[in-house]
Amino acid sequence: MKLKLRLLLVSCALALVSVSAASAQSRPKLVANVTAKASASHSVVAAWLWAQGTGDAASGFHVWRAATCAGITIPGTPYATVTPSTTLTYTDTVVTAGSSYCYAVTAYNATGDSASTNQVLVAIPLAVPNAPSGLTLTPQ
């Protein structure tokens, strides 16, 4: 009976060790150098740098957006999810001319999100009206 009990205890200890090893993944490293630029087509292209390290692999990236940089709340609900982790840009096509948007990016994996990046505020220019056409000059 003692032998069976010892085998059971050893089996349980091995199971605990394997569970601990499986959950040893850490949160991804910080994303760096986030930039965001408004384009002529009234969209914003956000880009960032990220280098995967040992043990902190990312599944992808979360893009955070708010009307002001003070409005970005991490953790919270990301504005967009970018996968795979080799994609280092996001194009936001849901913007309004004359408005401003603030962007931040985090890398994420099963453990959670990395720390927040720098935040970038982008102003969307107003649409330039078309030049008038069909005008005629009449002398006075």
C-alpha atoms as a PDB file:
ATOM      1  CA  MET A   1       0.000   0.000   0.000  1.00  0.00           C
ATOM      2  CA  LYS A   2       2.861   2.411   0.800  1.00  0.00           C
ATOM      3  CA  LEU A   3       4.418   1.739  -2.593  1.00  0.00           C
ATOM      4  CA  LYS A   4       1.194   2.645  -4.439  1.00  0.00           C
ATOM      5  CA  LEU A   5       0.830   5.839  -2.408  1.00  0.00           C
ATOM      6  CA  ARG A   6       4.408   6.905  -3.197  1.00  0.00           C
ATOM      7  CA  LEU A   7       3.898   6.289  -6.913  1.00  0.00           C
ATOM      8  CA  LEU A   8       0.751   8.383  -6.837  1.00  0.00           C
ATOM      9  CA  LEU A   9       2.557  11.247  -5.062  1.00  0.00           C
ATOM     10  CA  VAL A  10       5.443  11.101  -7.543  1.00  0.00           C
ATOM     11  CA  SER A  11       2.957  11.128 -10.456  1.00  0.00           C
ATOM     12  CA  CYS A  12       1.202  14.182  -9.011  1.00  0.00           C
ATOM     13  CA  ALA A  13       4.510  15.997  -8.506  1.00  0.00           C
ATOM     14  CA  LEU A  14       5.527  15.299 -12.123  1.00  0.00           C
ATOM     15  CA  ALA A  15       2.164  16.596 -13.328  1.00  0.00           C
ATOM     16  CA  LEU A  16       2.691  19.836 -11.371  1.00  0.00           C
ATOM     17  CA  VAL A  17       6.165  20.271 -12.834  1.00  0.00           C
ATOM     18  CA  SER A  18       4.886  19.824 -16.400  1.00  0.00           C
ATOM     19  CA  VAL A  19       2.041  22.320 -15.846  1.00  0.00           C
ATOM     20  CA  SER A  20       4.501  24.890 -14.471  1.00  0.00           C
ATOM     21  CA  ALA A  21       6.832  24.435 -17.442  1.00  0.00           C
ATOM     22  CA  ALA A  22       3.965  24.872 -19.901  1.00  0.00           C
ATOM     23  CA  SER A  23       2.915  28.177 -18.341  1.00  0.00           C
ATOM     24  CA  ALA A  24       6.448  29.628 -18.291  1.00  0.00           C
ATOM     25  CA  GLN A  25       5.735  31.859 -21.306  1.00  0.00           C
ATOM     26  CA  SER A  26       6.023  35.521 -20.399  1.00  0.00           C
ATOM     27  CA  ARG A  27       4.260  38.555 -21.798  1.00  0.00           C
ATOM     28  CA  PRO A  28       5.722  39.849 -25.060  1.00  0.00           C
ATOM     29  CA  LYS A  29       8.357  42.574 -25.116  1.00  0.00           C
ATOM     30  CA  LEU A  30       7.405  46.202 -25.570  1.00  0.00           C
ATOM     31  CA  VAL A  31       6.552  47.369 -29.081  1.00  0.00           C
ATOM     32  CA  ALA A  32       8.749  50.303 -30.134  1.00  0.00           C
ATOM     33  CA  ASN A  33       8.658  53.406 -32.315  1.00  0.00           C
ATOM     34  CA  VAL A  34       4.977  53.603 -33.154  1.00  0.00           C
ATOM     35  CA  THR A  35       4.257  56.053 -35.958  1.00  0.00           C
ATOM     36  CA  ALA A  36       0.940  57.013 -37.528  1.00  0.00           C
ATOM     37  CA  LYS A  37       0.325  59.164 -40.578  1.00  0.00           C
ATOM     38  CA  ALA A  38      -2.810  60.370 -42.280  1.00  0.00           C
ATOM     39  CA  SER A  39      -2.922  59.566 -45.972  1.00  0.00           C
ATOM     40  CA  ALA A  40      -4.523  61.464 -48.820  1.00  0.00           C
ATOM     41  CA  SER A  41      -7.294  58.844 -49.017  1.00  0.00           C
ATOM     42  CA  HIS A  42      -8.522  59.766 -45.512  1.00  0.00           C
ATOM     43  CA  SER A  43      -7.080  56.802 -43.710  1.00  0.00           C
ATOM     44  CA  VAL A  44      -4.361  56.409 -41.090  1.00  0.00           C
ATOM     45  CA  VAL A  45      -1.439  54.029 -41.440  1.00  0.00           C
ATOM     46  CA  ALA A  46       0.108  53.004 -38.110  1.00  0.00           C
ATOM     47  CA  ALA A  47       3.473  51.223 -38.104  1.00  0.00           C
ATOM     48  CA  TRP A  48       5.760  49.902 -35.359  1.00  0.00           C
ATOM     49  CA  LEU A  49       8.946  47.987 -34.650  1.00  0.00           C
ATOM     50  CA  TRP A  50       9.074  44.736 -32.697  1.00  0.00           C
ATOM     51  CA  ALA A  51      11.745  42.108 -32.151  1.00  0.00           C
ATOM     52  CA  GLN A  52      10.667  38.781 -30.693  1.00  0.00           C
ATOM     53  CA  GLY A  53      12.802  37.558 -27.823  1.00  0.00           C
ATOM     54  CA  THR A  54      13.249  34.118 -26.321  1.00  0.00           C
ATOM     55  CA  GLY A  55      10.214  32.992 -24.327  1.00  0.00           C
ATOM     56  CA  ASP A  56       8.093  36.032 -25.146  1.00  0.00           C
ATOM     57  CA  ALA A  57       6.601  35.167 -28.521  1.00  0.00           C
ATOM     58  CA  ALA A  58       3.673  37.295 -29.637  1.00  0.00           C
ATOM     59  CA  SER A  59       0.509  35.965 -31.240  1.00  0.00           C
ATOM     60  CA  GLY A  60      -0.131  39.368 -32.800  1.00  0.00           C
ATOM     61  CA  PHE A  61      -0.703  43.013 -31.931  1.00  0.00           C
ATOM     62  CA  HIS A  62      -3.517  45.071 -30.465  1.00  0.00           C
ATOM     63  CA  VAL A  63      -4.056  48.547 -31.888  1.00  0.00           C
ATOM     64  CA  TRP A  64      -5.618  51.025 -29.460  1.00  0.00           C
ATOM     65  CA  ARG A  65      -7.396  54.185 -30.650  1.00  0.00           C
ATOM     66  CA  ALA A  66      -9.135  57.093 -28.945  1.00  0.00           C
ATOM     67  CA  ALA A  67     -10.048  60.687 -29.788  1.00  0.00           C
ATOM     68  CA  THR A  68      -7.360  61.888 -27.362  1.00  0.00           C
ATOM     69  CA  CYS A  69      -4.267  60.216 -25.987  1.00  0.00           C
ATOM     70  CA  ALA A  70      -5.708  60.538 -22.475  1.00  0.00           C
ATOM     71  CA  GLY A  71      -8.635  58.429 -23.690  1.00  0.00           C
ATOM     72  CA  ILE A  72      -6.614  55.271 -24.389  1.00  0.00           C
ATOM     73  CA  THR A  73      -7.246  52.734 -21.633  1.00  0.00           C
ATOM     74  CA  ILE A  74      -5.031  49.648 -21.460  1.00  0.00           C
ATOM     75  CA  PRO A  75      -6.136  47.073 -20.449  1.00  0.00           C
ATOM     76  CA  GLY A  76      -9.462  47.480 -22.117  1.00  0.00           C
ATOM     77  CA  THR A  77     -10.953  46.560 -25.455  1.00  0.00           C
ATOM     78  CA  PRO A  78      -8.504  47.041 -28.336  1.00  0.00           C
ATOM     79  CA  TYR A  79      -9.677  48.913 -31.423  1.00  0.00           C
ATOM     80  CA  ALA A  80      -8.175  46.288 -33.754  1.00  0.00           C
ATOM     81  CA  THR A  81      -6.237  43.019 -33.660  1.00  0.00           C
ATOM     82  CA  VAL A  82      -3.399  42.468 -36.135  1.00  0.00           C
ATOM     83  CA  THR A  83      -2.145  38.944 -36.912  1.00  0.00           C
ATOM     84  CA  PRO A  84       0.229  37.298 -37.652  1.00  0.00           C
ATOM     85  CA  SER A  85       2.962  38.750 -35.475  1.00  0.00           C
ATOM     86  CA  THR A  86       5.070  39.456 -38.559  1.00  0.00           C
ATOM     87  CA  THR A  87       2.601  42.154 -39.709  1.00  0.00           C
ATOM     88  CA  LEU A  88       3.892  45.486 -38.406  1.00  0.00           C
ATOM     89  CA  THR A  89       1.338  47.927 -39.888  1.00  0.00           C
ATOM     90  CA  TYR A  90      -2.373  48.656 -39.600  1.00  0.00           C
ATOM     91  CA  THR A  91      -4.498  50.847 -41.879  1.00  0.00           C
ATOM     92  CA  ASP A  92      -7.475  52.510 -40.210  1.00  0.00           C
ATOM     93  CA  THR A  93     -10.065  53.437 -42.838  1.00  0.00           C
ATOM     94  CA  VAL A  94     -12.796  54.477 -40.379  1.00  0.00           C
ATOM     95  CA  VAL A  95     -11.722  58.076 -39.829  1.00  0.00           C
ATOM     96  CA  THR A  96     -13.455  61.434 -40.257  1.00  0.00           C
ATOM     97  CA  ALA A  97     -11.913  64.440 -41.987  1.00  0.00           C
ATOM     98  CA  GLY A  98     -11.179  67.229 -39.513  1.00  0.00           C
ATOM     99  CA  SER A  99     -10.917  64.837 -36.546  1.00  0.00           C
ATOM    100  CA  SER A 100      -7.922  63.671 -34.523  1.00  0.00           C
ATOM    101  CA  TYR A 101      -7.116  60.151 -33.332  1.00  0.00           C
ATOM    102  CA  CYS A 102      -4.538  58.821 -30.920  1.00  0.00           C
ATOM    103  CA  TYR A 103      -2.967  55.377 -31.482  1.00  0.00           C
ATOM    104  CA  ALA A 104      -0.944  52.965 -29.334  1.00  0.00           C
ATOM    105  CA  VAL A 105       0.124  49.356 -29.988  1.00  0.00           C
ATOM    106  CA  THR A 106       0.741  46.365 -27.710  1.00  0.00           C
ATOM    107  CA  ALA A 107       2.007  42.880 -28.544  1.00  0.00           C
ATOM    108  CA  TYR A 108      -0.084  40.054 -27.063  1.00  0.00           C
ATOM    109  CA  ASN A 109       0.054  36.320 -26.406  1.00  0.00           C
ATOM    110  CA  ALA A 110      -1.833  33.865 -24.181  1.00  0.00           C
ATOM    111  CA  THR A 111      -0.230  35.459 -21.093  1.00  0.00           C
ATOM    112  CA  GLY A 112      -1.533  38.957 -21.892  1.00  0.00           C
ATOM    113  CA  ASP A 113      -0.493  42.245 -23.484  1.00  0.00           C
ATOM    114  CA  SER A 114       2.915  43.881 -23.373  1.00  0.00           C
ATOM    115  CA  ALA A 115       3.275  47.300 -21.813  1.00  0.00           C
ATOM    116  CA  SER A 116       1.887  50.190 -23.834  1.00  0.00           C
ATOM    117  CA  THR A 117       3.952  51.906 -26.502  1.00  0.00           C
ATOM    118  CA  ASN A 118       4.376  55.577 -27.103  1.00  0.00           C
ATOM    119  CA  GLN A 119       1.119  57.190 -28.187  1.00  0.00           C
ATOM    120  CA  VAL A 120       0.797  59.051 -31.466  1.00  0.00           C
ATOM    121  CA  LEU A 121      -1.807  61.740 -32.210  1.00  0.00           C
ATOM    122  CA  VAL A 122      -2.843  62.157 -35.862  1.00  0.00           C
ATOM    123  CA  ALA A 123      -5.010  64.924 -37.323  1.00  0.00           C
ATOM    124  CA  ILE A 124      -7.087  63.987 -40.382  1.00  0.00           C
ATOM    125  CA  PRO A 125      -7.048  66.913 -42.840  1.00  0.00           C
ATOM    126  CA  LEU A 126     -10.265  68.387 -44.140  1.00  0.00           C
ATOM    127  CA  ALA A 127     -11.161  67.394 -47.667  1.00  0.00           C
ATOM    128  CA  VAL A 128     -10.000  69.895 -50.265  1.00  0.00           C
ATOM    129  CA  PRO A 129     -12.928  70.983 -52.418  1.00  0.00           C
ATOM    130  CA  ASN A 130     -12.740  70.433 -56.149  1.00  0.00           C
ATOM    131  CA  ALA A 131     -11.770  73.408 -58.284  1.00  0.00           C
ATOM    132  CA  PRO A 132     -14.784  75.127 -59.796  1.00  0.00           C
ATOM    133  CA  SER A 133     -15.513  74.289 -63.385  1.00  0.00           C
ATOM    134  CA  GLY A 134     -17.676  75.740 -66.118  1.00  0.00           C
ATOM    135  CA  LEU A 135     -16.948  79.374 -65.195  1.00  0.00           C
ATOM    136  CA  THR A 136     -16.898  82.086 -67.810  1.00  0.00           C
ATOM    137  CA  LEU A 137     -15.437  85.537 -67.560  1.00  0.00           C
ATOM    138  CA  THR A 138     -17.697  88.321 -68.671  1.00  0.00           C
ATOM    139  CA  PRO A 139     -16.141  91.784 -69.237  1.00  0.00           C
ATOM    140  CA  GLN A 140     -17.948  94.703 -67.597  1.00  0.00           C
END
